[in-house]
Protein backbone atom coordinates (compact mmCIF):
# COMPACT_ATOMS: atom_id res chain seq x y z
CA UNK A 1 -0.03 -0.06 -0.05
CA UNK A 2 1.32 3.56 -0.83
CA UNK A 3 1.48 6.13 1.84
CA UNK A 4 -0.90 8.87 1.53
CA UNK A 5 1.91 11.31 1.84
CA UNK A 6 3.64 9.50 -0.67
CA UNK A 7 0.57 10.13 -3.13
CA UNK A 8 0.43 13.81 -2.05
CA UNK A 9 3.47 14.42 -2.87
CA UNK A 10 2.99 12.90 -6.20
CA UNK A 11 1.09 16.03 -7.41
CA UNK A 12 3.82 18.77 -6.73
CA UNK A 13 5.19 19.64 -9.65
CA UNK A 14 7.74 18.63 -12.14
CA UNK A 15 10.75 20.39 -11.91
CA UNK A 16 14.50 20.36 -14.27
CA UNK A 17 16.62 17.61 -13.06
CA UNK A 18 19.51 19.97 -11.86
CA UNK A 19 16.82 22.30 -10.33
CA UNK A 20 18.16 23.46 -6.76
CA UNK A 21 14.77 22.26 -5.43
CA UNK A 22 15.12 19.00 -7.01
CA UNK A 23 18.47 18.25 -5.98
CA UNK A 24 18.10 19.28 -2.60
CA UNK A 25 15.24 16.55 -2.40
CA UNK A 26 17.52 13.86 -3.79
CA UNK A 27 19.84 14.95 -1.05
CA UNK A 28 17.91 14.58 1.33
CA UNK A 29 16.90 10.90 0.13
CA UNK A 30 20.27 9.73 0.06
CA UNK A 31 20.26 10.48 3.79
CA UNK A 32 17.48 8.49 4.73
CA UNK A 33 18.37 5.70 3.01
CA UNK A 34 21.05 5.63 4.69
CA UNK A 35 19.52 5.80 8.02
CA UNK A 36 17.06 3.46 7.08
CA UNK A 37 19.51 1.08 5.51
CA UNK A 38 22.24 1.25 8.68
CA UNK A 39 24.87 2.41 7.00
CA UNK A 40 27.22 5.51 6.45
CA UNK A 41 28.21 4.87 2.80
CA UNK A 42 28.60 7.89 0.73
CA UNK A 43 27.62 5.98 -2.40
CA UNK A 44 23.88 5.24 -1.08
CA UNK A 45 21.16 6.70 -3.73
CA UNK A 46 18.17 5.72 -6.13
CA UNK A 47 18.35 3.98 -9.78
CA UNK A 48 15.91 4.36 -11.65
CA UNK A 49 14.47 0.74 -11.51
CA UNK A 50 12.37 -2.16 -9.65
CA UNK A 51 14.53 -4.38 -6.97
CA UNK A 52 15.21 -6.32 -9.82
CA UNK A 53 17.34 -3.74 -11.83
CA UNK A 54 19.20 -2.92 -8.74
CA UNK A 55 19.85 -7.11 -8.35
CA UNK A 56 21.22 -6.25 -12.02
CA UNK A 57 23.31 -3.33 -11.06
CA UNK A 58 25.24 -5.30 -8.08
CA UNK A 59 25.95 -8.43 -9.90
CA UNK A 60 26.77 -6.74 -13.24
CA UNK A 61 29.34 -4.34 -11.44
CA UNK A 62 30.97 -6.85 -9.10
CA UNK A 63 30.41 -10.02 -10.95
CA UNK A 64 33.29 -10.03 -13.49
CA UNK A 65 33.29 -12.48 -16.68
CA UNK A 66 35.16 -15.73 -14.91
CA UNK A 67 34.85 -15.22 -11.59
CA UNK A 68 33.27 -17.23 -8.82
CA UNK A 69 30.53 -16.03 -7.64
CA UNK A 70 28.63 -17.90 -4.53
CA UNK A 71 25.10 -17.41 -3.77
CA UNK A 72 23.33 -19.19 -1.12
CA UNK A 73 19.99 -20.44 -2.95
CA UNK A 74 16.49 -21.20 -0.70
CA UNK A 75 13.92 -19.71 -2.98
CA UNK A 76 12.69 -18.45 -6.08
CA UNK A 77 15.16 -14.30 -5.93
CA UNK A 78 18.24 -16.40 -4.81
CA UNK A 79 18.00 -18.00 -7.72
CA UNK A 80 17.17 -15.02 -9.78
CA UNK A 81 20.46 -13.51 -8.96
CA UNK A 82 22.39 -17.32 -9.97
CA UNK A 83 20.90 -16.90 -13.34
CA UNK A 84 21.66 -13.09 -13.65
CA UNK A 85 25.35 -14.38 -12.40
CA UNK A 86 25.66 -16.98 -15.27
CA UNK A 87 24.22 -14.10 -17.98
CA UNK A 88 27.36 -12.32 -16.98
CA UNK A 89 29.49 -14.63 -17.58
CA UNK A 90 30.67 -15.80 -14.35
CA UNK A 91 31.34 -19.19 -12.71
CA UNK A 92 28.22 -19.59 -10.40
CA UNK A 93 28.59 -21.80 -6.97
CA UNK A 94 25.22 -22.33 -5.12
CA UNK A 95 24.91 -23.73 -1.30
CA UNK A 96 20.95 -24.97 -2.03
CA UNK A 97 18.63 -25.32 0.94
CA UNK A 98 14.77 -26.47 0.78
CA UNK A 99 12.88 -23.13 0.01
CA UNK A 100 12.19 -21.54 3.40
CA UNK A 101 15.11 -22.55 5.35
CA UNK A 102 17.75 -20.12 6.38
CA UNK A 103 21.92 -21.21 6.71
CA UNK A 104 23.94 -21.51 9.50
CA UNK A 105 27.38 -19.89 10.08
CA UNK A 106 28.72 -23.40 10.05
CA UNK A 107 26.85 -23.99 6.97
CA UNK A 108 27.93 -20.79 5.17
CA UNK A 109 31.50 -20.82 6.36
CA UNK A 110 31.96 -24.62 4.94
CA UNK A 111 30.65 -23.56 2.13
CA UNK A 112 32.53 -20.81 1.35
CA UNK A 113 35.85 -21.88 2.83
CA UNK A 114 35.37 -24.78 0.24
CA UNK A 115 34.44 -22.79 -2.89
CA UNK A 116 36.68 -19.34 -2.00
CA UNK A 117 34.48 -17.39 -4.34
CA UNK A 118 35.26 -13.31 -5.59
CA UNK A 119 31.67 -13.12 -4.79
CA UNK A 120 29.12 -14.03 -2.36
CA UNK A 121 25.55 -13.05 -2.22
CA UNK A 122 22.26 -13.86 -0.30
CA UNK A 123 18.64 -12.67 0.07
CA UNK A 124 18.24 -10.74 3.20
CA UNK A 125 14.33 -11.27 2.95
CA UNK A 126 13.39 -13.98 0.67
CA UNK A 127 9.92 -12.49 -0.51
CA UNK A 128 9.14 -16.12 -1.97
CA UNK A 129 9.06 -18.19 1.20
CA UNK A 130 9.04 -15.33 4.23
CA UNK A 131 12.46 -16.34 5.52
CA UNK A 132 14.80 -13.64 7.27
CA UNK A 133 18.66 -14.34 6.87
CA UNK A 134 20.29 -10.90 8.24
CA UNK A 135 23.10 -12.08 6.77
CA UNK A 136 25.63 -12.46 10.36
CA UNK A 137 26.13 -16.03 9.68
CA UNK A 138 27.73 -15.71 5.71
CA UNK A 139 29.36 -11.91 6.19
CA UNK A 140 32.35 -13.13 8.38
CA UNK A 141 33.62 -16.04 6.63
CA UNK A 142 33.03 -13.94 3.23
CA UNK A 143 35.32 -11.21 4.19
CA UNK A 144 37.93 -13.95 5.75
CA UNK A 145 37.89 -15.00 2.12
CA UNK A 146 38.52 -11.83 0.73
CA UNK A 147 34.70 -11.71 -1.03
CA UNK A 148 32.49 -8.79 -1.14
CA UNK A 149 29.11 -9.27 -0.64
CA UNK A 150 25.51 -8.53 -2.23
CA UNK A 151 22.63 -8.51 -0.05
CA UNK A 152 19.00 -8.42 -1.74
CA UNK A 153 16.98 -6.06 0.54
CA UNK A 154 14.39 -5.32 -1.05
CA UNK A 155 11.73 -6.81 1.08
CA UNK A 156 13.36 -5.89 4.93
CA UNK A 157 14.58 -2.37 4.21
CA UNK A 158 11.66 -0.15 5.88
CA UNK A 159 10.19 -2.56 8.03
CA UNK A 160 12.94 -5.01 9.11
CA UNK A 161 16.55 -4.54 10.08
CA UNK A 162 19.25 -4.15 7.10
CA UNK A 163 21.93 -2.54 9.52
CA UNK A 164 24.08 -2.97 6.54
CA UNK A 165 27.28 -1.49 8.43
CA UNK A 166 27.01 -3.61 11.50
CA UNK A 167 26.09 -6.82 9.26
CA UNK A 168 29.58 -6.40 7.06
CA UNK A 169 27.22 -6.06 3.50
CA UNK A 170 28.93 -4.67 0.88
CA UNK A 171 26.35 -3.94 -1.67
CA UNK A 172 22.80 -3.11 -0.78
CA UNK A 173 19.90 -2.83 -2.90
CA UNK A 174 16.49 -2.41 -2.50
CA UNK A 175 12.92 -1.28 -3.87
CA UNK A 176 10.98 1.56 -3.24
CA UNK A 177 7.10 -0.19 -3.19
CA UNK A 178 7.89 -2.65 0.09
CA UNK A 179 9.01 -1.61 3.41
CA UNK A 180 9.13 2.27 2.10
CA UNK A 181 5.38 2.25 0.93
CA UNK A 182 5.95 4.21 -2.18
CA UNK A 183 5.30 3.62 -5.71
CA UNK A 184 7.57 0.89 -7.82
CA UNK A 185 10.29 2.26 -9.83
CA UNK A 186 13.21 3.60 -7.83
CA UNK A 187 15.82 1.09 -6.22
CA UNK A 188 18.04 2.19 -3.65
CA UNK A 189 21.44 0.90 -3.94
CA UNK A 190 24.45 1.52 -1.48
CA UNK A 191 27.94 0.34 -1.90
CA UNK A 192 30.86 0.14 1.22
CA UNK A 193 34.31 1.86 1.02
CA UNK A 194 36.06 -1.68 0.39
CA UNK A 195 33.29 -2.35 -2.40
CA UNK A 196 33.84 1.25 -4.26
CA UNK A 197 37.58 1.08 -4.15
CA UNK A 198 36.86 -2.55 -6.09
CA UNK A 199 34.85 -0.74 -8.48
CA UNK A 200 37.24 1.90 -8.94
CA UNK A 201 40.03 -0.55 -9.88
CA UNK A 202 38.63 -2.63 -12.29
CA UNK A 203 40.20 -2.51 -15.34
CA UNK A 204 37.08 -3.64 -17.67
CA UNK A 205 34.16 -2.33 -18.08
CA UNK A 206 30.72 -4.46 -17.30
CA UNK A 207 28.83 -5.87 -19.91
CA UNK A 208 25.80 -2.99 -18.70
CA UNK A 209 25.88 0.69 -19.81
CA UNK A 210 22.64 2.06 -18.03
CA UNK A 211 23.54 0.14 -14.36
CA UNK A 212 26.84 1.07 -14.41
CA UNK A 213 27.59 2.39 -10.85
CA UNK A 214 30.33 4.71 -11.34
CA UNK A 215 28.32 6.38 -14.07
CA UNK A 216 25.57 6.39 -12.03
CA UNK A 217 27.10 7.93 -8.92
CA UNK A 218 28.48 11.38 -10.78
CA UNK A 219 24.47 12.56 -11.07
CA UNK A 220 24.45 12.54 -7.46
CA UNK A 221 27.14 14.52 -6.62
CA UNK A 222 28.66 17.96 -7.80
CA UNK A 223 28.40 18.67 -10.60
CA UNK A 224 25.34 16.21 -11.29
CA UNK A 225 26.75 14.73 -14.72
CA UNK A 226 24.06 13.91 -16.50
CA UNK A 227 23.62 9.50 -17.06
CA UNK A 228 19.68 9.37 -17.28
CA UNK A 229 16.48 11.50 -16.71
CA UNK A 230 14.87 11.01 -13.13
CA UNK A 231 11.27 10.80 -12.46
CA UNK A 232 10.64 13.73 -10.22
CA UNK A 233 7.44 12.27 -8.96
CA UNK A 234 9.02 9.23 -7.78
CA UNK A 235 11.60 10.95 -5.67
CA UNK A 236 8.67 13.32 -4.12
CA UNK A 237 7.39 10.13 -3.17
CA UNK A 238 10.04 8.41 -1.55
CA UNK A 239 10.90 11.59 0.37
CA UNK A 240 7.95 11.84 2.01
CA UNK A 241 8.24 8.10 2.40
CA UNK A 242 11.23 8.05 3.87
CA UNK A 243 10.12 11.12 6.23
CA UNK A 244 6.86 8.74 7.40
CA UNK A 245 9.98 6.58 8.93
CA UNK A 246 11.75 9.56 10.14
CA UNK A 247 9.02 10.78 12.05
CA UNK A 248 7.46 7.48 13.41
CA UNK A 249 10.98 6.21 14.51
CA UNK A 250 12.64 3.21 12.72
CA UNK A 251 12.53 0.97 15.72
CA UNK A 252 9.05 1.71 16.19
CA UNK A 253 8.17 1.19 13.07
CA UNK A 254 10.23 -2.18 13.15
CA UNK A 255 8.01 -2.89 16.25
CA UNK A 256 5.01 -2.53 14.64
CA UNK A 257 5.28 -4.54 12.18
CA UNK A 258 6.67 -7.22 13.92
CA UNK A 259 3.73 -6.94 16.49
CA UNK A 260 1.30 -7.06 13.64
CA UNK A 261 2.70 -10.03 11.98
CA UNK A 262 3.67 -12.34 15.25
CA UNK A 263 -0.68 -11.45 15.40
CA UNK A 264 -1.54 -12.80 12.29
CA UNK A 265 0.74 -15.54 12.04
CA UNK A 266 -1.04 -17.04 15.10
CA UNK A 267 -4.43 -16.22 14.14
CA UNK A 268 -3.84 -17.96 11.07
CA UNK A 269 -2.58 -20.99 12.79
CA UNK A 270 -5.82 -21.50 14.51
CA UNK A 271 -7.69 -20.95 11.66
CA UNK A 272 -5.60 -23.98 10.20
CA UNK A 273 -2.74 -22.32 8.39
CA UNK A 274 0.66 -23.57 8.57
CA UNK A 275 3.50 -21.23 8.51
CA UNK A 276 6.05 -22.09 5.71
CA UNK A 277 9.21 -20.88 7.99
CA UNK A 278 9.01 -23.94 10.75
CA UNK A 279 10.93 -20.95 13.09
CA UNK A 280 9.42 -17.66 14.32
CA UNK A 281 12.65 -16.24 14.55
CA UNK A 282 13.55 -16.79 11.03
CA UNK A 283 9.99 -15.33 9.34
CA UNK A 284 10.07 -11.98 7.97
CA UNK A 285 7.81 -10.10 10.20
CA UNK A 286 5.46 -8.04 7.50
CA UNK A 287 5.34 -10.96 4.86
CA UNK A 288 3.66 -13.60 6.29
CA UNK A 289 3.93 -17.04 4.07
CA UNK A 290 1.20 -19.77 4.85
CA UNK A 291 -0.23 -23.32 3.59
CA UNK A 292 -3.23 -23.44 3.73
CA UNK A 293 -5.85 -25.67 5.28
CA UNK A 294 -5.95 -29.24 3.26
CA UNK A 295 -9.65 -28.55 1.99
CA UNK A 296 -8.72 -25.17 1.15
CA UNK A 297 -7.98 -24.22 -2.61
CA UNK A 298 -5.29 -21.20 -2.03
CA UNK A 299 -6.49 -19.76 -5.73
CA UNK A 300 -10.24 -19.94 -4.81
CA UNK A 301 -9.29 -18.14 -1.63
CA UNK A 302 -7.90 -15.33 -3.27
CA UNK A 303 -10.08 -14.87 -5.58
CA UNK A 304 -13.50 -14.84 -2.90
CA UNK A 305 -11.04 -12.00 -0.90
CA UNK A 306 -10.68 -10.18 -3.98
CA UNK A 307 -13.87 -9.90 -5.34
CA UNK A 308 -15.73 -9.96 -1.78
CA UNK A 309 -13.39 -7.53 0.20
CA UNK A 310 -11.14 -6.15 -2.25
CA UNK A 311 -8.90 -7.95 -0.59
CA UNK A 312 -5.31 -8.67 -2.74
CA UNK A 313 -2.75 -11.50 -1.47
CA UNK A 314 -0.15 -13.20 -3.42
CA UNK A 315 -0.04 -16.42 -4.31
CA UNK A 316 3.45 -19.22 -4.77
CA UNK A 317 6.07 -17.95 -7.07
CA UNK A 318 8.11 -21.30 -8.37
CA UNK A 319 8.26 -24.36 -7.37
CA UNK A 320 5.59 -23.06 -4.69
CA UNK A 321 3.31 -21.86 -7.32
CA UNK A 322 -0.49 -23.02 -6.08
CA UNK A 323 0.91 -24.21 -2.72
CA UNK A 324 1.42 -21.23 -0.30
CA UNK A 325 -0.39 -17.67 0.31
CA UNK A 326 2.06 -14.74 0.73
CA UNK A 327 0.18 -12.04 3.05
CA UNK A 328 1.99 -8.32 3.02
CA UNK A 329 1.31 -6.24 5.58
CA UNK A 330 3.80 -3.56 5.15
CA UNK A 331 3.91 0.37 5.73
CA UNK A 332 0.24 1.46 6.37
CA UNK A 333 -1.66 -1.71 6.05
CA UNK A 334 0.63 -2.92 9.32
CA UNK A 335 -1.86 -2.35 12.07
CA UNK A 336 -3.98 -4.63 13.92
CA UNK A 337 -6.81 -3.51 12.60
CA UNK A 338 -5.74 -4.08 9.36
CA UNK A 339 -4.76 -7.28 10.61
CA UNK A 340 -8.24 -8.17 12.64
CA UNK A 341 -9.95 -6.99 9.03
CA UNK A 342 -8.22 -9.34 7.16
CA UNK A 343 -9.05 -12.21 9.48
CA UNK A 344 -12.40 -11.41 9.85
CA UNK A 345 -12.66 -12.16 5.71
CA UNK A 346 -10.41 -15.33 5.84
CA UNK A 347 -12.49 -17.00 8.62
CA UNK A 348 -15.50 -15.89 6.32
CA UNK A 349 -13.94 -17.16 2.98
CA UNK A 350 -12.09 -20.37 3.83
């Protein structure tokens, strides 16, 4: 759900891309993104794309042809990272687990020590399964091996801790439409000084031009060298989305999403649903993924919820298609009243 203040902000006049007002908005967005990502990285900015574009930018810039790219795969979007690595002609190696599970420190260390990769990637909040992996079990071993760490923070940012610096993430990317409660179309990305130094030393150019981070970064610092034409309404929306988070307080926002998410899971279990992620501490707070009761057809349930109540919830992706429900309670939707309305609707519809 888009925050009402983001909607309102999009009605402001469209400015030029070097207008002083727009540049000031841009700088404030960069500061807000650093706060939400938990980083001091100067190279933090939104790129003009969805979260998948952020993924492409991260992999296209830091995964070189012939390099070894290690991906922790336990869901649809981790598989997408591996596919992108293959298309960028890297040697991709996977550490696989069942979808919905997370990796232990021992598993991560053994895999990284064995493979000795150049770049390691993982999904912090796997949208396809509802599993949350902070990355702390992965980053130390990766850095000991001299590898850079890429984290998909598309679903975690703005609703759960990313804590990029303390976790040890080198490159993080996200999106605008989930935890930030803005329209899709911008992908925040942040690069650590260590990773940026590596990128500056890179001799060959990445295969991608549009997502070349060295080119994009020049627009966000003096003298704002042209790279692409940004959409001011999307920036206005993100500016207000970040302002809403600042006013609520990041820790308060996290706690709100956690409280509502836990209540939703508890009540769904009473209705006969089963969480896909077994351990409560491994679950995304604001994306509840459940298996429906045996007698419930998930597609028909979703249709009834949409047609009767105007409630849209998602089905499964990939190997989980037709098997699960994925229920987002993000931003303005993450309240006890909204959860109660949803639960009443589901109880009536099953």
